[in-house]
Protein backbone atom coordinates (compact mmCIF):
# COMPACT_ATOMS: atom_id res chain seq x y z
CA MET A 1 17.35 -47.51 -77.41
CA LYS A 2 16.14 -44.53 -79.39
CA GLY A 3 13.23 -44.15 -77.01
CA ILE A 4 15.60 -44.03 -74.06
CA GLN A 5 17.73 -41.36 -75.74
CA ARG A 6 14.68 -39.19 -76.39
CA ALA A 7 13.69 -39.47 -72.73
CA ILE A 8 17.02 -38.09 -71.45
CA ARG A 9 16.65 -34.49 -70.33
CA PRO A 10 19.36 -31.80 -70.40
CA LEU A 11 22.12 -32.28 -67.85
CA PRO A 12 21.36 -30.54 -64.56
CA ASP A 13 23.23 -27.32 -63.76
CA ALA A 14 23.63 -27.10 -59.99
CA THR A 15 25.41 -23.76 -60.20
CA ALA A 16 22.42 -22.17 -61.92
CA GLN A 17 20.00 -23.67 -59.40
CA ALA A 18 22.13 -22.41 -56.51
CA GLN A 19 21.51 -18.80 -57.46
CA ALA A 20 18.17 -18.82 -55.73
CA VAL A 21 19.56 -19.85 -52.35
CA VAL A 22 22.96 -18.12 -52.27
CA GLU A 23 22.77 -14.97 -50.18
CA SER A 24 26.45 -14.11 -49.91
CA LEU A 25 29.87 -15.33 -50.98
CA PRO A 26 33.30 -15.31 -49.33
CA ASP A 27 35.67 -12.45 -50.03
CA TRP A 28 37.49 -14.66 -52.54
CA THR A 29 36.42 -17.77 -54.40
CA GLY A 30 38.25 -19.85 -56.96
CA ILE A 31 40.46 -22.89 -57.52
CA GLU A 32 43.87 -24.03 -56.29
CA GLY A 33 46.59 -26.39 -57.44
CA ILE A 34 45.86 -26.66 -61.17
CA ASP A 35 48.57 -28.57 -63.04
CA LEU A 36 49.60 -26.74 -66.20
CA PRO A 37 52.63 -26.72 -68.51
CA LEU A 38 54.36 -23.37 -68.42
CA CYS A 39 56.91 -21.58 -70.58
CA PHE A 40 59.15 -18.99 -68.94
CA ASP A 41 62.09 -16.89 -70.10
CA ALA A 42 64.20 -16.02 -67.04
CA GLY A 43 66.04 -13.31 -68.95
CA ASP A 44 68.68 -15.34 -70.79
CA GLY A 45 66.57 -16.03 -73.89
CA ASP A 46 66.21 -19.72 -73.00
CA VAL A 47 62.46 -20.38 -72.76
CA GLN A 48 62.05 -23.34 -70.40
CA ARG A 49 58.96 -25.51 -70.22
CA SER A 50 58.04 -26.45 -66.66
CA ARG A 51 55.26 -28.08 -64.71
CA ALA A 52 53.41 -25.39 -62.77
CA ARG A 53 50.76 -25.31 -60.06
CA VAL A 54 48.30 -22.48 -60.56
CA ASP A 55 45.76 -20.86 -58.23
CA ALA A 56 43.07 -18.47 -59.45
CA PHE A 57 40.67 -16.46 -57.31
CA LEU A 58 38.00 -13.86 -57.91
CA GLY A 59 36.77 -11.24 -55.48
CA CYS A 60 33.03 -11.28 -55.93
CA ALA A 61 32.11 -7.99 -54.28
CA CYS A 62 28.89 -7.46 -56.21
CA ALA A 63 25.30 -6.63 -55.39
CA LYS A 64 23.93 -9.84 -56.91
CA PRO A 65 26.16 -12.77 -55.97
CA ASP A 66 26.35 -15.77 -58.27
CA THR A 67 27.91 -19.22 -58.05
CA LEU A 68 31.26 -19.34 -59.80
CA ARG A 69 31.63 -21.65 -62.82
CA ARG A 70 35.07 -23.06 -62.09
CA SER A 71 35.20 -25.07 -65.29
CA HIS A 72 35.27 -21.82 -67.24
CA LEU A 73 38.11 -20.51 -65.07
CA TYR A 74 40.07 -23.66 -65.76
CA SER A 75 39.54 -23.29 -69.50
CA LEU A 76 40.78 -19.70 -69.46
CA LEU A 77 43.90 -20.63 -67.49
CA ASP A 78 44.62 -23.52 -69.83
CA GLU A 79 44.11 -21.34 -72.90
CA HIS A 80 46.38 -18.50 -71.75
CA LEU A 81 49.13 -20.30 -69.83
CA SER A 82 49.65 -23.66 -71.53
CA GLY A 83 52.58 -23.33 -73.89
CA ASN A 84 52.71 -19.53 -73.82
CA SER A 85 55.74 -17.68 -72.47
CA ILE A 86 54.37 -15.67 -69.56
CA ASP A 87 55.03 -11.98 -69.03
CA ASP A 88 53.22 -9.02 -67.47
CA LYS A 89 51.04 -8.33 -70.52
CA LEU A 90 49.82 -11.92 -70.78
CA LEU A 91 49.00 -12.09 -67.07
CA GLU A 92 47.12 -8.79 -67.04
CA HIS A 93 45.09 -9.90 -70.06
CA LEU A 94 44.32 -13.22 -68.38
CA LEU A 95 43.10 -11.49 -65.22
CA ARG A 96 40.73 -9.29 -67.24
CA GLU A 97 39.37 -12.36 -68.98
CA LEU A 98 38.80 -14.09 -65.63
CA MET A 99 36.91 -11.10 -64.25
CA GLN A 100 34.65 -11.01 -67.32
CA ALA A 101 33.89 -14.73 -67.26
CA PRO A 102 30.20 -15.75 -67.13
CA SER A 103 28.84 -15.78 -63.56
CA ALA A 104 32.05 -14.17 -62.26
CA ALA A 105 30.68 -10.69 -61.42
CA ALA A 106 34.09 -9.86 -59.92
CA ASP A 107 35.92 -6.60 -59.38
CA HIS A 108 39.12 -8.25 -58.11
CA ALA A 109 41.15 -11.14 -59.52
CA ARG A 110 44.44 -12.74 -58.62
CA ILE A 111 46.50 -15.71 -59.75
CA ALA A 112 49.53 -17.48 -58.29
CA ILE A 113 51.90 -19.61 -60.38
CA ARG A 114 54.43 -21.90 -58.70
CA PHE A 115 57.20 -23.74 -60.55
CA GLU A 116 60.94 -24.42 -60.56
CA HIS A 117 63.39 -22.89 -63.00
CA PHE A 118 66.70 -24.59 -63.78
CA VAL A 119 69.86 -22.52 -64.14
CA ARG A 120 73.18 -23.93 -65.34
CA ARG A 121 75.88 -22.89 -62.87
CA ALA A 122 79.65 -23.02 -63.39
CA ALA A 123 82.01 -24.32 -60.70
CA LEU A 124 84.26 -21.83 -58.93
CA ARG A 125 87.55 -22.92 -60.51
CA SER A 126 87.25 -26.13 -62.52
CA ASP A 127 85.43 -26.51 -65.82
CA HIS A 128 82.56 -28.40 -64.17
CA ARG A 129 78.99 -27.19 -64.45
CA GLY A 130 75.76 -28.29 -62.80
CA TRP A 131 72.07 -27.46 -62.51
CA ARG A 132 70.40 -25.43 -59.76
CA ALA A 133 66.63 -25.54 -59.46
CA TYR A 134 65.24 -22.28 -58.07
CA PRO A 135 61.66 -22.17 -56.76
CA VAL A 136 59.59 -19.40 -58.35
CA LEU A 137 56.26 -17.90 -57.35
CA ILE A 138 54.65 -15.34 -59.65
CA GLU A 139 51.62 -13.54 -58.22
CA ALA A 140 49.50 -11.18 -60.30
CA SER A 141 46.39 -9.27 -59.24
CA LEU A 142 43.96 -6.84 -60.83
CA SER A 143 41.65 -4.50 -58.95
CA PRO A 144 40.17 -1.01 -59.33
CA ARG A 145 43.58 0.25 -58.14
CA GLY A 146 45.30 -1.37 -61.11
CA PHE A 147 47.55 -4.28 -62.02
CA ARG A 148 50.17 -5.62 -59.60
CA LEU A 149 52.87 -8.22 -60.32
CA GLU A 150 55.27 -9.79 -57.82
CA LEU A 151 57.96 -12.48 -58.09
CA SER A 152 59.27 -14.61 -55.23
CA THR A 153 62.27 -16.92 -55.20
CA GLU A 154 64.98 -18.30 -52.89
CA VAL A 155 68.77 -18.27 -52.74
CA ILE A 156 70.56 -20.98 -50.75
CA TYR A 157 74.03 -20.08 -49.47
CA SER A 158 76.59 -20.85 -46.78
CA SER A 159 77.18 -18.53 -43.83
CA THR A 160 80.15 -18.65 -41.44
CA CYS A 161 79.69 -17.07 -38.00
CA PRO A 162 82.08 -14.13 -37.30
CA ALA A 163 81.97 -14.75 -33.54
CA SER A 164 82.84 -18.40 -33.96
CA ALA A 165 85.67 -17.49 -36.36
CA ALA A 166 87.19 -15.10 -33.80
CA LEU A 167 87.01 -17.72 -31.04
CA SER A 168 88.61 -20.31 -33.33
CA ARG A 169 91.47 -17.96 -34.23
CA GLN A 170 92.15 -17.36 -30.54
CA LEU A 171 92.44 -21.09 -29.86
CA ILE A 172 94.86 -21.49 -32.78
CA GLN A 173 96.96 -18.62 -31.44
CA GLN A 174 97.10 -20.24 -28.02
CA GLN A 175 98.07 -23.59 -29.51
CA PHE A 176 100.82 -21.93 -31.54
CA ALA A 177 102.19 -20.28 -28.40
CA ASP A 178 102.16 -23.61 -26.59
CA ASP A 179 103.89 -25.49 -29.40
CA PHE A 180 106.57 -22.88 -30.14
CA ASP A 181 108.86 -21.37 -27.56
CA ALA A 182 108.52 -17.59 -27.88
CA ALA A 183 112.08 -17.13 -26.68
CA GLY A 184 113.58 -19.46 -29.28
CA SER A 185 114.01 -19.13 -33.02
CA LEU A 186 111.09 -19.98 -35.32
CA ASP A 187 112.08 -22.52 -37.92
CA HIS A 188 110.23 -21.94 -41.23
CA ALA A 189 109.99 -25.63 -42.12
CA ARG A 190 108.67 -26.49 -38.68
CA ILE A 191 106.02 -23.74 -38.83
CA MET A 192 104.88 -24.89 -42.26
CA ALA A 193 104.57 -28.45 -41.00
CA TRP A 194 102.62 -27.23 -37.97
CA LEU A 195 100.23 -25.20 -40.14
CA GLY A 196 99.53 -28.31 -42.22
CA SER A 197 98.77 -30.46 -39.18
CA GLU A 198 95.67 -30.82 -37.05
CA GLN A 199 97.22 -28.50 -34.46
CA GLY A 200 97.37 -25.75 -37.07
CA ILE A 201 93.60 -25.84 -37.45
CA LEU A 202 92.76 -26.83 -33.92
CA ALA A 203 89.34 -25.16 -34.07
CA THR A 204 87.02 -24.33 -36.97
CA PRO A 205 84.23 -21.75 -37.03
CA HIS A 206 80.74 -23.09 -37.48
CA ALA A 207 79.05 -22.56 -40.82
CA GLN A 208 75.56 -23.48 -41.88
CA ARG A 209 73.37 -23.69 -44.92
CA SER A 210 71.27 -20.54 -45.11
CA LYS A 211 68.35 -19.25 -47.12
CA ALA A 212 67.27 -15.86 -48.42
CA SER A 213 63.61 -15.68 -49.44
CA LEU A 214 62.99 -12.80 -51.85
CA ARG A 215 59.71 -11.15 -52.81
CA VAL A 216 60.02 -8.32 -55.32
CA ARG A 217 57.67 -6.08 -57.27
CA PHE A 218 59.14 -4.77 -60.49
CA VAL A 219 58.36 -1.34 -61.88
CA ALA A 220 55.64 -1.25 -64.54
CA GLY A 221 56.82 -2.78 -67.79
CA ALA A 222 60.06 -4.22 -66.40
CA PRO A 223 60.74 -7.79 -67.61
CA LEU A 224 60.81 -10.67 -65.15
CA HIS A 225 64.57 -11.19 -65.30
CA LEU A 226 64.89 -13.91 -62.70
CA ILE A 227 68.49 -14.90 -63.45
CA ASP A 228 69.79 -11.34 -63.15
CA LEU A 229 68.05 -11.03 -59.77
CA LEU A 230 69.57 -14.31 -58.57
CA ASP A 231 73.05 -13.35 -59.82
CA ARG A 232 72.97 -10.01 -58.02
CA VAL A 233 71.96 -11.57 -54.70
CA GLU A 234 74.41 -14.47 -54.94
CA GLN A 235 77.28 -12.11 -55.78
CA ALA A 236 76.36 -9.91 -52.82
CA LEU A 237 76.45 -12.89 -50.46
CA GLY A 238 79.59 -14.42 -51.96
CA THR A 239 78.89 -18.02 -50.91
CA PRO A 240 75.97 -19.50 -52.90
CA VAL A 241 75.82 -23.30 -52.76
CA GLN A 242 77.59 -25.17 -55.54
CA THR A 243 76.60 -28.02 -57.84
CA ALA A 244 79.27 -30.20 -59.52
CA VAL A 245 82.66 -29.57 -57.90
CA LYS A 246 86.24 -30.83 -57.90
CA ARG A 247 88.70 -30.44 -55.02
CA GLU A 248 89.90 -27.08 -56.32
CA ASP A 249 86.29 -25.85 -56.29
CA GLU A 250 85.78 -27.07 -52.71
CA GLN A 251 88.95 -25.27 -51.68
CA ALA A 252 87.76 -22.07 -53.36
CA PHE A 253 84.44 -22.43 -51.53
CA ALA A 254 86.27 -22.75 -48.20
CA LEU A 255 88.21 -19.58 -49.04
CA ALA A 256 84.96 -17.78 -49.91
CA ASN A 257 83.43 -18.79 -46.59
CA GLY A 258 86.46 -17.50 -44.70
CA SER A 259 86.35 -14.22 -46.64
CA ASN A 260 82.61 -13.66 -46.18
CA LEU A 261 81.95 -14.03 -42.48
CA MET A 262 78.41 -12.89 -41.74
CA PHE A 263 75.63 -12.87 -39.21
CA CYS A 264 72.11 -13.09 -40.61
CA GLU A 265 71.81 -9.30 -40.20
CA ASP A 266 74.90 -8.83 -42.37
CA ALA A 267 73.49 -11.05 -45.09
CA ALA A 268 70.16 -9.22 -44.97
CA ARG A 269 71.84 -5.82 -45.32
CA ARG A 270 73.94 -7.01 -48.26
CA ILE A 271 70.81 -8.12 -50.09
CA GLN A 272 68.94 -4.94 -49.16
CA ASN A 273 71.69 -2.70 -50.55
CA THR A 274 71.81 -4.74 -53.76
CA LEU A 275 68.05 -4.54 -54.36
CA LEU A 276 67.85 -0.84 -53.46
CA ALA A 277 70.40 -0.14 -56.20
CA ASP A 278 68.28 -1.89 -58.84
CA ARG A 279 65.99 0.69 -60.46
CA ARG A 280 63.86 -2.03 -62.01
CA ILE A 281 62.60 -3.04 -58.56
CA ALA A 282 59.83 -0.93 -57.07
CA GLU A 283 59.40 -2.79 -53.79
CA PHE A 284 60.81 -5.84 -51.99
CA THR A 285 60.77 -7.90 -48.83
CA VAL A 286 63.55 -10.30 -47.83
CA ARG A 287 63.61 -12.96 -45.12
CA VAL A 288 67.04 -14.35 -44.22
CA GLU A 289 67.34 -17.60 -42.27
CA HIS A 290 70.57 -19.11 -40.93
CA PHE A 291 69.89 -22.72 -39.96
CA GLU A 292 72.17 -22.79 -36.94
CA SER A 293 74.65 -25.62 -36.47
CA LEU A 294 75.39 -24.43 -32.91
CA HIS A 295 71.78 -24.05 -31.70
CA PRO A 296 68.58 -26.04 -32.21
CA HIS A 297 66.90 -22.78 -33.21
CA ASP A 298 67.53 -20.53 -36.22
CA ALA A 299 68.66 -16.94 -36.66
CA VAL A 300 66.26 -14.85 -38.77
CA ALA A 301 66.28 -11.29 -40.10
CA TYR A 302 63.90 -9.29 -42.30
CA VAL A 303 64.64 -6.31 -44.53
CA SER A 304 62.49 -4.47 -47.04
CA SER A 305 62.47 -1.48 -49.33
CA THR A 306 60.30 0.51 -46.94
CA GLY A 307 60.99 -0.90 -43.46
CA GLY A 308 58.03 -1.16 -41.15
CA HIS A 309 56.36 -4.03 -39.30
CA LEU A 310 57.30 -7.71 -39.39
CA PRO A 311 55.89 -9.36 -42.53
CA ASP A 312 53.32 -12.12 -42.26
CA PRO A 313 54.88 -15.60 -41.97
């Protein structure tokens, strides 16, 4: 047995041997979908621990290309992200470490971190509360032009069509005229009974679940206050989806939908005005989708801090 152990040679290193045959590398090379535990403070002081999926890539624009040692990248990600509460300083430090890793020879680096953050939401009127899970994507990059940090998330809400509401009101008016003789007296009790019947709500406007996808870049040094961002957008829309509700909450939600009629363009402009007023945000792009209940296709609108061409899908 000892003789066999002495005969074993050092483990082969294919990455080192590949240096002789590699002539060029892609623009970016790295790893995707690493499972890591993550700690994140969304701005309320409650540091949540979540399961994250992490991507890391290096831009190897160098004169002498090398084969990337991905095991070392994994170790750096594990060391910096596992159990540490992430912020801009930690991410910038991590990117510098990745670029200086052995065999990296990189002048660009970027990481993407995907996870869900739970927020406890109160009902509209009752004392009920429930959890909302918001998807979060944090993207950080480092290049000769400097450090860049962006946060993406989504807000789900209800949207009621203004055109459909107007058409529904007209039908109710016509039904009222048919059921009540304009020349006769209007009895209060009879009108109240009519309003509480099916004839009183003969037609209803169509509403649909909708989604606003946000991508924001904060000014340098600004904290990643996710909850404040979500609150501002949900307040601007007026009809974010609810969690645990009682009948009084459902009634309040119906009232909110009737008071916040909006096309997708209206929703997009509301969000745009809200984000433009936030001095902590340097740049943003918003995609609004209304998943139509009338059509088999969806209504979509984009807005941004700068305008310009349609963003990439």
